[in-house]
Protein backbone atom coordinates (compact mmCIF):
# COMPACT_ATOMS: atom_id res chain seq x y z
CA MET A 1 -13.50 30.88 25.95
CA ASN A 2 -12.40 27.38 25.70
CA ASN A 3 -12.13 25.45 29.00
CA GLU A 4 -11.60 21.88 27.46
CA LYS A 5 -8.94 19.94 29.25
CA ILE A 6 -5.57 20.45 27.78
CA LYS A 7 -3.98 17.36 26.50
CA VAL A 8 -0.46 16.66 28.19
CA ASN A 9 2.02 13.84 27.97
CA GLN A 10 1.78 12.21 31.23
CA LYS A 11 5.22 10.45 30.87
CA PHE A 12 7.11 13.66 29.97
CA ASN A 13 8.82 15.78 32.70
CA TYR A 14 7.82 19.24 31.64
CA LYS A 15 9.85 20.73 34.66
CA ALA A 16 13.03 19.33 33.33
CA ILE A 17 12.85 21.57 30.27
CA LEU A 18 12.53 24.90 32.26
CA ASP A 19 15.07 27.26 33.53
CA GLU A 20 18.57 26.77 32.33
CA ASN A 21 17.77 23.54 30.80
CA ASN A 22 15.26 25.02 28.42
CA PRO A 23 15.90 23.67 24.90
CA LEU A 24 14.72 26.79 23.24
CA ILE A 25 17.87 28.63 24.22
CA LYS A 26 19.60 26.31 21.63
CA TYR A 27 16.83 26.98 19.03
CA PRO A 28 16.10 30.53 18.65
CA ALA A 29 14.31 30.10 15.24
CA LEU A 30 11.94 27.84 16.90
CA TYR A 31 11.39 30.34 19.80
CA GLU A 32 10.66 32.93 17.29
CA ALA A 33 8.24 30.59 15.39
CA SER A 34 6.49 29.51 18.61
CA ILE A 35 5.96 33.15 19.92
CA ASN A 36 4.63 34.19 16.57
CA GLU A 37 1.99 31.49 16.29
CA PHE A 38 0.93 31.52 20.01
CA SER A 39 0.60 35.18 20.18
CA GLN A 40 -1.83 35.21 17.42
CA LYS A 41 -4.04 32.22 18.19
CA VAL A 42 -5.51 30.53 21.41
CA TYR A 43 -3.65 27.49 22.39
CA GLU A 44 -6.10 24.96 20.86
CA ASP A 45 -6.09 26.68 17.47
CA ALA A 46 -2.35 27.22 17.28
CA SER A 47 -0.68 25.04 14.69
CA LEU A 48 2.34 22.94 15.73
CA ASN A 49 2.82 22.05 12.05
CA ASP A 50 3.11 25.61 11.15
CA ILE A 51 5.67 26.36 13.92
CA LEU A 52 7.88 23.39 12.90
CA LYS A 53 7.70 24.37 9.27
CA SER A 54 8.72 27.90 10.04
CA ALA A 55 11.44 26.73 12.22
CA ASP A 56 12.51 24.04 10.02
CA MET A 57 12.52 21.33 12.73
CA SER A 58 11.04 17.77 12.54
CA LYS A 59 8.08 16.70 14.61
CA SER A 60 10.34 13.80 16.10
CA SER A 61 12.93 16.19 17.23
CA LEU A 62 10.16 18.41 18.84
CA TYR A 63 8.75 15.56 20.72
CA HIS A 64 12.28 14.59 21.84
CA HIS A 65 12.90 17.84 23.22
CA PHE A 66 9.66 19.21 24.48
CA GLY A 67 7.25 16.18 24.92
CA ASP A 68 4.41 17.74 22.72
CA LYS A 69 2.75 21.11 21.99
CA PHE A 70 2.24 21.96 25.53
CA GLY A 71 5.89 21.47 26.35
CA LEU A 72 6.78 23.84 23.64
CA TYR A 73 4.29 26.34 25.08
CA LEU A 74 5.79 25.92 28.51
CA ALA A 75 9.36 26.50 27.12
CA THR A 76 8.23 29.53 25.16
CA LEU A 77 6.50 30.99 28.35
CA ASP A 78 9.62 30.10 30.39
CA ILE A 79 11.70 32.50 28.01
CA ILE A 80 9.15 35.36 28.21
CA VAL A 81 9.07 35.09 32.13
CA LYS A 82 12.93 35.29 32.27
CA LYS A 83 12.80 38.37 29.95
CA LYS A 84 10.22 40.04 32.33
CA ILE A 85 12.10 39.19 35.57
CA GLU A 86 15.44 40.60 33.84
CA PHE A 87 13.72 43.63 32.79
CA LEU A 88 11.92 44.36 36.04
CA THR A 89 14.23 43.00 38.75
CA PRO A 90 16.63 46.11 38.66
CA LEU A 91 13.78 48.42 38.42
CA LEU A 92 12.13 46.89 41.69
CA LYS A 93 15.22 47.44 43.42
CA ASN A 94 15.46 51.01 42.50
CA ARG A 95 11.84 51.58 43.33
CA MET A 96 11.61 49.93 46.79
CA PRO A 97 13.59 52.60 48.66
CA SER A 98 11.64 55.52 47.85
CA GLY A 99 9.15 54.89 50.93
CA ASP A 100 5.98 55.99 49.01
CA PHE A 101 4.06 52.67 48.53
CA PHE A 102 1.53 54.05 46.22
CA LYS A 103 4.14 55.77 44.03
CA THR A 104 6.25 52.55 43.96
CA MET A 105 3.18 50.39 42.85
CA ARG A 106 2.23 52.94 40.11
CA GLU A 107 5.62 52.88 38.70
CA LEU A 108 6.08 49.11 38.86
CA SER A 109 2.96 48.62 36.99
CA ARG A 110 4.04 51.20 34.51
CA ASP A 111 7.11 49.37 34.06
CA THR A 112 5.27 46.12 33.45
CA VAL A 113 3.14 47.72 30.85
CA GLU A 114 6.38 49.12 29.27
CA PHE A 115 7.95 45.60 29.09
CA MET A 116 4.76 44.21 27.48
CA PHE A 117 4.77 46.75 24.65
CA LYS A 118 8.62 46.50 24.01
CA ASP A 119 7.60 43.54 22.01
CA LYS A 120 3.88 43.53 21.23
CA ARG A 121 3.93 39.66 20.91
CA LEU A 122 4.39 39.43 24.56
CA TYR A 123 1.29 41.50 25.13
CA SER A 124 -0.48 39.32 22.52
CA PHE A 125 0.65 36.11 23.99
CA THR A 126 -0.42 37.07 27.47
CA ASN A 127 -4.14 37.86 26.10
CA MET A 128 -3.96 34.59 24.15
CA ILE A 129 -3.39 32.75 27.69
CA LEU A 130 -6.38 34.42 29.08
CA ALA A 131 -8.59 33.72 25.96
CA SER A 132 -7.54 29.99 25.85
CA GLY A 133 -9.56 29.29 29.18
CA GLU A 134 -9.10 28.22 32.70
CA SER A 135 -7.86 24.87 32.09
CA LEU A 136 -4.69 26.40 30.40
CA THR A 137 -4.21 29.10 33.15
CA GLU A 138 -4.40 26.54 35.72
CA LEU A 139 -1.86 24.23 34.23
CA ILE A 140 0.47 27.10 33.52
CA HIS A 141 0.27 28.21 37.34
CA GLU A 142 1.30 24.82 38.35
CA TYR A 143 4.71 25.53 36.53
CA PHE A 144 4.89 29.26 37.04
CA PRO A 145 3.56 30.13 40.57
CA TYR A 146 4.08 33.68 41.39
CA ASP A 147 4.64 34.26 45.05
CA PHE A 148 3.54 37.89 45.53
CA GLN A 149 3.95 37.81 49.39
CA SER A 150 7.73 37.18 49.06
CA ASN A 151 8.20 40.06 46.78
CA PHE A 152 5.96 42.58 48.27
CA GLY A 153 4.77 41.28 51.66
CA GLY A 154 7.47 43.37 53.48
CA LEU A 155 6.86 46.49 51.80
CA ILE A 156 2.96 46.08 52.41
CA ALA A 157 3.51 45.48 56.11
CA ALA A 158 5.94 48.44 56.32
CA SER A 159 3.34 50.73 54.59
CA ILE A 160 0.66 49.64 57.08
CA ARG A 161 2.92 50.41 60.11
CA SER A 162 4.13 53.81 58.57
CA GLY A 163 0.30 54.67 58.12
CA GLN A 164 0.27 54.97 54.35
CA ILE A 165 -2.20 52.04 54.20
CA ASP A 166 -5.26 52.03 56.46
CA SER A 167 -4.63 49.47 59.20
CA LYS A 168 -8.06 48.33 59.12
CA TYR A 169 -7.00 46.22 56.00
CA PRO A 170 -5.05 43.17 56.92
CA PRO A 171 -1.54 42.67 55.31
CA GLU A 172 -2.81 39.35 53.80
CA PHE A 173 -5.79 41.03 52.23
CA VAL A 174 -3.72 43.81 50.65
CA THR A 175 -1.31 41.23 49.36
CA LYS A 176 -3.97 39.15 47.78
CA LEU A 177 -5.73 42.33 46.17
CA LEU A 178 -2.46 43.50 44.61
CA SER A 179 -1.55 40.13 43.41
CA LEU A 180 -4.91 39.87 41.68
CA LEU A 181 -4.12 43.36 40.05
CA PHE A 182 -0.80 42.54 38.87
CA THR A 183 -1.48 39.02 37.51
CA ASN A 184 -4.60 40.09 35.84
CA MET A 185 -3.41 43.55 34.61
CA ASP A 186 -3.97 42.71 31.01
CA LYS A 187 -7.80 42.63 31.66
CA LEU A 188 -7.81 46.14 32.79
CA LEU A 189 -6.01 47.73 29.91
CA SER A 190 -8.59 49.16 27.46
CA SER A 191 -6.53 49.35 24.29
CA SER A 192 -3.36 47.77 22.58
CA LYS A 193 -1.92 51.28 22.46
CA PRO A 194 0.71 52.13 25.16
CA GLU A 195 -0.81 55.58 25.84
CA ASP A 196 -4.28 54.29 26.32
CA ALA A 197 -2.91 51.33 28.42
CA PHE A 198 -1.16 53.94 30.73
CA GLU A 199 -4.36 56.00 31.08
CA SER A 200 -6.26 52.88 32.05
CA LEU A 201 -3.68 52.02 34.45
CA THR A 202 -3.80 55.33 36.17
CA MET A 203 -7.41 55.07 36.75
CA VAL A 204 -7.14 51.51 38.40
CA PHE A 205 -4.55 52.89 40.85
CA ASP A 206 -6.61 56.03 41.37
CA VAL A 207 -9.41 53.83 42.56
CA LEU A 208 -6.90 51.40 44.54
CA GLU A 209 -5.27 54.35 46.33
CA ASN A 210 -8.53 56.09 47.24
CA GLY A 211 -9.87 52.78 48.50
CA ILE A 212 -6.95 51.67 50.88
CA ARG A 213 -4.97 54.61 51.69
CA ASN A 214 -4.98 55.97 55.32
CA LYS A 215 -7.07 59.15 55.22
CA ASN A 216 -6.09 60.36 58.70
């Protein structure tokens, strides 16, 4: 695993190219070339020249719009994150009213895996992030912080009050535990085949449920 410090352009405002200002929205060919390259190689080994050649874009244009290779990487990840949110948000709204905490978590995790396998490049891209080392993941977290508390804190607290989760576990602990699970789900999947991934996921939640469920 490579933990060398990632080179970034200190003068470039990377946050300005995210969300609705993402230049990749206007360059679909560059997005395709970028995700193809970054899903196959760790960050340091990915070739910016190969991406530009495939997308028929000049290096000067790339630097103007994205700052450097890291800016293109962030912009690509930004598109992926938006796709994931668009896929999962309506499913999350439909799952929440069920009242069964563990069933909801199982279904959401399965939805997440299904999303990753809809385009296997997304699954591979995530694996390449992990394989690239802590320096990259720490940098990415600065631009894409995930607030698990705001999304699931209320559901966890309600599940403790209703007796589904043993009250000896503080809500903050359960929130952190589930946050670690969802943000590192790829590390728990034993195969690149969907059916094997679902089997691994079932085992993970069997362990989780047997551990924190209220037995009374």
